[in-house]
Protein backbone atom coordinates (compact mmCIF):
# COMPACT_ATOMS: atom_id res chain seq x y z
CA MET A 1 0.00 0.00 0.00
CA SER A 2 1.34 3.40 -0.91
CA SER A 3 2.10 6.06 1.69
CA SER A 4 -0.74 8.23 0.38
CA ALA A 5 -3.16 5.35 0.78
CA SER A 6 -1.86 4.72 4.30
CA ASP A 7 -2.40 8.38 5.15
CA LEU A 8 -5.96 8.21 3.87
CA LEU A 9 -6.69 5.10 5.92
CA SER A 10 -5.13 6.61 9.04
CA ARG A 11 -7.49 9.58 8.80
CA ARG A 12 -10.61 7.45 9.05
CA PRO A 13 -13.02 8.95 11.58
CA ARG A 14 -13.55 6.86 14.67
CA GLN A 15 -17.28 6.38 14.82
CA GLN A 16 -19.54 4.91 17.43
CA GLN A 17 -21.85 2.02 16.65
CA LEU A 18 -24.15 3.05 13.82
CA LEU A 19 -27.91 2.76 14.08
CA LEU A 20 -29.35 2.38 10.58
CA PRO A 21 -33.02 2.76 9.66
CA ILE A 22 -33.02 -0.71 8.08
CA ASN A 23 -31.16 -3.90 9.03
CA LEU A 24 -30.90 -7.21 7.22
CA HIS A 25 -31.73 -10.37 9.13
CA LEU A 26 -30.38 -13.53 7.54
CA LEU A 27 -32.10 -16.79 8.47
CA ALA A 28 -29.59 -19.61 8.73
CA ASN A 29 -30.24 -23.31 9.05
CA PRO A 30 -30.23 -24.72 12.59
CA GLY A 31 -26.69 -24.75 13.99
CA ASP A 32 -25.23 -22.38 11.35
CA SER A 33 -26.07 -18.95 12.74
CA LEU A 34 -22.99 -18.44 14.94
CA LEU A 35 -20.53 -19.24 12.15
CA LEU A 36 -22.30 -17.01 9.63
CA GLN A 37 -22.59 -14.10 12.09
CA GLN A 38 -18.90 -14.35 12.94
CA THR A 39 -18.06 -14.45 9.22
CA LEU A 40 -19.99 -11.25 8.47
CA ASP A 41 -18.69 -9.51 11.59
CA ARG A 42 -15.12 -10.30 10.58
CA LEU A 43 -15.69 -8.85 7.11
CA LEU A 44 -17.30 -5.63 8.33
CA ARG A 45 -14.85 -5.22 11.23
CA TRP A 46 -12.06 -4.96 8.71
CA LEU A 47 -13.85 -2.62 6.25
CA CYS A 48 -16.00 -0.48 8.56
CA PRO A 49 -15.84 -1.45 12.26
CA SER A 50 -18.73 0.79 13.31
CA LEU A 51 -21.20 -0.70 10.82
CA ARG A 52 -23.71 -3.25 12.09
CA ILE A 53 -26.36 -4.01 9.51
CA PHE A 54 -26.33 -7.80 9.09
CA HIS A 55 -27.84 -9.99 11.79
CA VAL A 56 -28.07 -13.77 11.60
CA SER A 57 -30.78 -15.84 13.26
CA GLU A 58 -31.80 -19.47 12.89
CA ARG A 59 -34.89 -20.78 11.20
CA ALA A 60 -36.95 -23.48 12.91
CA SER A 61 -36.29 -26.10 10.23
CA PRO A 62 -33.62 -26.42 7.51
CA PHE A 63 -34.21 -24.59 4.24
CA ARG A 64 -34.64 -26.91 1.29
CA ALA A 65 -33.98 -25.24 -2.03
CA GLN A 66 -35.90 -26.35 -5.08
CA THR A 67 -33.74 -28.02 -7.68
CA ARG A 68 -33.82 -25.92 -10.82
CA ILE A 69 -31.57 -25.97 -13.85
CA CYS A 70 -30.93 -22.63 -15.53
CA THR A 71 -29.21 -22.51 -18.90
CA VAL A 72 -28.89 -18.72 -19.21
CA ALA A 73 -27.54 -15.96 -17.04
CA GLY A 74 -29.99 -14.01 -14.92
CA TYR A 75 -30.42 -11.90 -11.84
CA PRO A 76 -30.69 -12.80 -8.16
CA SER A 77 -33.38 -11.10 -6.14
CA LEU A 78 -30.87 -9.57 -3.68
CA ALA A 79 -27.20 -8.72 -4.13
CA ILE A 80 -24.79 -7.04 -1.70
CA THR A 81 -21.80 -5.34 -3.31
CA PHE A 82 -18.79 -3.53 -1.84
CA PHE A 83 -17.55 -0.73 -4.12
CA LEU A 84 -14.00 -0.14 -2.86
CA HIS A 85 -11.63 2.58 -4.03
CA GLU A 86 -8.39 1.53 -5.67
CA ALA A 87 -6.66 4.61 -4.21
CA TYR A 88 -6.64 2.88 -0.81
CA GLY A 89 -4.68 -0.08 -2.20
CA GLU A 90 -5.48 -2.84 -4.65
CA GLU A 91 -4.46 -5.47 -2.11
CA ARG A 92 -7.36 -4.36 0.07
CA ILE A 93 -9.83 -5.22 -2.72
CA LEU A 94 -8.08 -8.50 -3.48
CA LYS A 95 -8.19 -9.40 0.20
CA VAL A 96 -11.98 -9.08 0.23
CA LEU A 97 -12.16 -11.25 -2.88
CA ASP A 98 -9.91 -13.82 -1.20
CA PHE A 99 -12.18 -13.69 1.85
CA PHE A 100 -15.19 -14.54 -0.34
CA GLN A 101 -13.32 -17.52 -1.79
CA ARG A 102 -12.93 -19.26 1.56
CA PRO A 103 -15.49 -21.34 3.50
CA PRO A 104 -18.25 -20.87 4.45
CA TRP A 105 -18.59 -18.74 1.30
CA GLN A 106 -19.61 -20.54 -1.88
CA TYR A 107 -19.11 -19.42 -5.47
CA HIS A 108 -22.45 -18.44 -7.03
CA HIS A 109 -22.02 -16.94 -10.52
CA THR A 110 -19.94 -14.58 -12.66
CA GLU A 111 -21.06 -11.48 -14.52
CA SER A 112 -18.84 -10.56 -17.45
CA CYS A 113 -18.03 -6.95 -18.27
CA GLY A 114 -19.22 -7.76 -21.79
CA SER A 115 -17.59 -6.66 -25.02
CA ARG A 116 -16.55 -3.21 -23.84
CA THR A 117 -12.87 -2.36 -23.62
CA ARG A 118 -11.43 -4.07 -20.57
CA GLY A 119 -9.97 -1.02 -18.91
CA ILE A 120 -10.37 2.64 -18.08
CA HIS A 121 -8.77 5.48 -20.02
CA ILE A 122 -6.56 7.71 -17.85
CA THR A 123 -5.67 11.17 -19.14
CA SER A 124 -3.25 13.78 -17.81
CA SER A 125 -3.28 17.56 -18.04
CA SER A 126 0.08 17.53 -19.80
CA SER A 127 -1.09 15.17 -22.53
CA PRO A 128 -4.90 15.04 -22.67
CA SER A 129 -4.96 13.51 -26.15
CA ASN A 130 -2.81 10.50 -25.20
CA ALA A 131 -5.07 8.58 -22.87
CA LEU A 132 -3.57 5.50 -21.28
CA LEU A 133 -5.65 2.33 -20.99
CA ARG A 134 -5.48 1.01 -17.44
CA PRO A 135 -6.79 -2.58 -17.23
CA TYR A 136 -9.63 -3.29 -14.85
CA LEU A 137 -8.44 -4.85 -11.60
CA LEU A 138 -11.29 -7.38 -11.75
CA PRO A 139 -12.31 -7.86 -15.41
CA SER A 140 -15.20 -10.12 -14.38
CA ARG A 141 -17.55 -9.85 -11.42
CA ASP A 142 -17.70 -12.94 -9.28
CA PHE A 143 -20.47 -13.34 -6.73
CA TYR A 144 -20.56 -15.57 -3.68
CA SER A 145 -23.19 -16.79 -1.24
CA LEU A 146 -23.44 -18.17 2.27
CA GLY A 147 -25.98 -20.81 1.29
CA ALA A 148 -29.25 -21.55 -0.47
CA GLY A 149 -31.80 -18.78 -0.19
CA MET A 150 -29.15 -16.25 0.88
CA PRO A 151 -28.20 -13.06 -1.02
CA VAL A 152 -25.15 -13.00 -3.27
CA TRP A 153 -22.08 -10.91 -2.38
CA GLY A 154 -19.41 -9.31 -4.51
CA VAL A 155 -16.70 -6.65 -4.59
CA ARG A 156 -15.99 -4.11 -7.33
CA PRO A 157 -13.13 -1.59 -7.58
CA VAL A 158 -13.96 2.06 -8.26
CA HIS A 159 -11.72 4.84 -9.55
CA CYS A 160 -13.65 7.91 -8.40
CA GLY A 161 -16.21 8.89 -5.81
CA GLY A 162 -16.60 7.41 -2.35
CA GLU A 163 -16.80 3.84 -1.17
CA ILE A 164 -20.22 2.22 -1.07
CA LEU A 165 -21.89 -0.81 0.43
CA ARG A 166 -24.88 -1.30 -1.88
CA ILE A 167 -27.77 -3.61 -1.07
CA THR A 168 -29.59 -4.15 -4.36
CA LEU A 169 -33.10 -5.50 -4.79
CA TYR A 170 -33.81 -6.67 -8.34
CA SER A 171 -37.44 -6.31 -9.36
CA SER A 172 -39.52 -7.26 -12.38
CA CYS A 173 -41.95 -4.92 -14.09
CA ASP A 174 -44.74 -6.35 -11.92
CA ASN A 175 -43.42 -5.15 -8.56
CA TYR A 176 -40.73 -2.49 -9.07
CA GLU A 177 -42.93 0.55 -8.46
CA ASP A 178 -44.79 -1.13 -5.59
CA ALA A 179 -41.52 -2.06 -3.89
CA VAL A 180 -40.15 1.48 -4.19
CA ARG A 181 -43.38 3.02 -2.86
CA PHE A 182 -43.39 0.56 0.06
CA TYR A 183 -39.89 1.54 1.14
CA GLU A 184 -40.66 5.22 0.63
CA THR A 185 -43.44 4.72 3.18
CA VAL A 186 -41.13 2.87 5.56
CA MET A 187 -38.30 5.39 5.18
CA GLN A 188 -40.69 8.38 5.11
CA ARG A 189 -38.84 9.98 2.21
CA GLN A 190 -38.60 9.67 -1.52
CA ALA A 191 -36.05 7.50 -3.28
CA GLU A 192 -33.24 9.16 -5.22
CA GLU A 193 -33.37 8.30 -8.91
CA GLN A 194 -30.47 8.40 -11.35
CA LYS A 195 -32.35 7.00 -14.33
CA ALA A 196 -35.54 5.11 -15.07
CA GLY A 197 -35.43 1.70 -13.46
CA PHE A 198 -32.71 2.50 -10.93
CA CYS A 199 -33.19 4.32 -7.62
CA TRP A 200 -31.85 4.13 -4.09
CA PHE A 201 -32.14 5.24 -0.48
CA THR A 202 -29.08 6.45 1.41
CA LEU A 203 -29.06 4.63 4.74
CA HIS A 204 -25.75 6.05 5.98
CA THR A 205 -23.04 8.44 4.83
CA GLY A 206 -19.51 8.15 6.16
CA TRP A 207 -16.29 6.38 5.30
CA ILE A 208 -18.47 3.82 3.53
CA ASP A 209 -21.88 4.97 2.33
CA VAL A 210 -24.67 2.42 2.70
CA LEU A 211 -27.29 2.39 -0.05
CA LEU A 212 -30.47 0.39 -0.49
CA ALA A 213 -30.97 0.28 -4.26
CA PHE A 214 -33.71 -0.97 -6.56
CA ILE A 215 -33.11 -2.10 -10.13
CA TYR A 216 -35.86 -2.84 -12.61
CA VAL A 217 -34.91 -5.81 -14.79
CA ARG A 218 -36.70 -5.94 -18.12
CA ASN A 219 -37.98 -9.18 -19.58
CA LYS A 220 -36.31 -11.10 -22.39
CA ALA A 221 -38.52 -9.45 -25.02
CA THR A 222 -36.56 -6.22 -24.49
CA GLY A 223 -33.18 -7.87 -24.79
CA PHE A 224 -32.29 -8.81 -21.21
CA LYS A 225 -31.57 -12.41 -20.27
CA TRP A 226 -34.08 -13.48 -17.68
CA PHE A 227 -34.91 -16.62 -15.76
CA PRO A 228 -36.95 -17.34 -12.60
CA ARG A 229 -34.73 -15.61 -10.10
CA THR A 230 -33.03 -17.01 -7.03
CA TYR A 231 -35.38 -15.65 -4.41
CA CYS A 232 -33.78 -14.82 -1.10
CA SER A 233 -36.20 -16.60 1.19
CA SER A 234 -33.66 -16.39 4.03
CA VAL A 235 -33.62 -12.58 4.33
CA LEU A 236 -35.82 -10.25 6.35
CA PHE A 237 -35.63 -6.44 6.50
């Protein structure tokens, strides 16, 4: 890690325990709750020690997932993504990825960056016309899970802006607007919208901003790959 990155990390504000308007309760199978809670606490303790948003409880009986074969890529119903800044050190991002690749985490799926150029163009004031192509740190987006019925987790590097923990609810055309209106009632404020089909609520601003986002996924007739999603039946808000 560079000295500038170390200086940035050393200036982190020491915050007290955060009380967020919404928490996520994960329902684990009997006997699994302690391990999963310790796993999530260890992850957040390293990234943002004051953040407590994930709570694990046990369901009365084991969850039995339905066996379903999917031949195309699709969307989960709930994804949790850490957007971490490369300025604080690439090894920090790779460490989170390594954390996801160890038990009890399980590989879930990969989202490709598609056919776009695999990098970001960096320009300088001295030579604005000669942009350098800097390869993406993670050219593909791997997602991991803690078990059947649980949300998927991933990490993505960012080059600008702040760091974000984004909790994303994917919705179909049948329930997107209803879901947003429901949470506007719960939060007692309107969602922030960047474009049609994507909005969010800011749950916390600090060293890591916490967002609850909603994404409208179009059906296959409009060009998006779609299959019956992996519903997160083990999550309560």
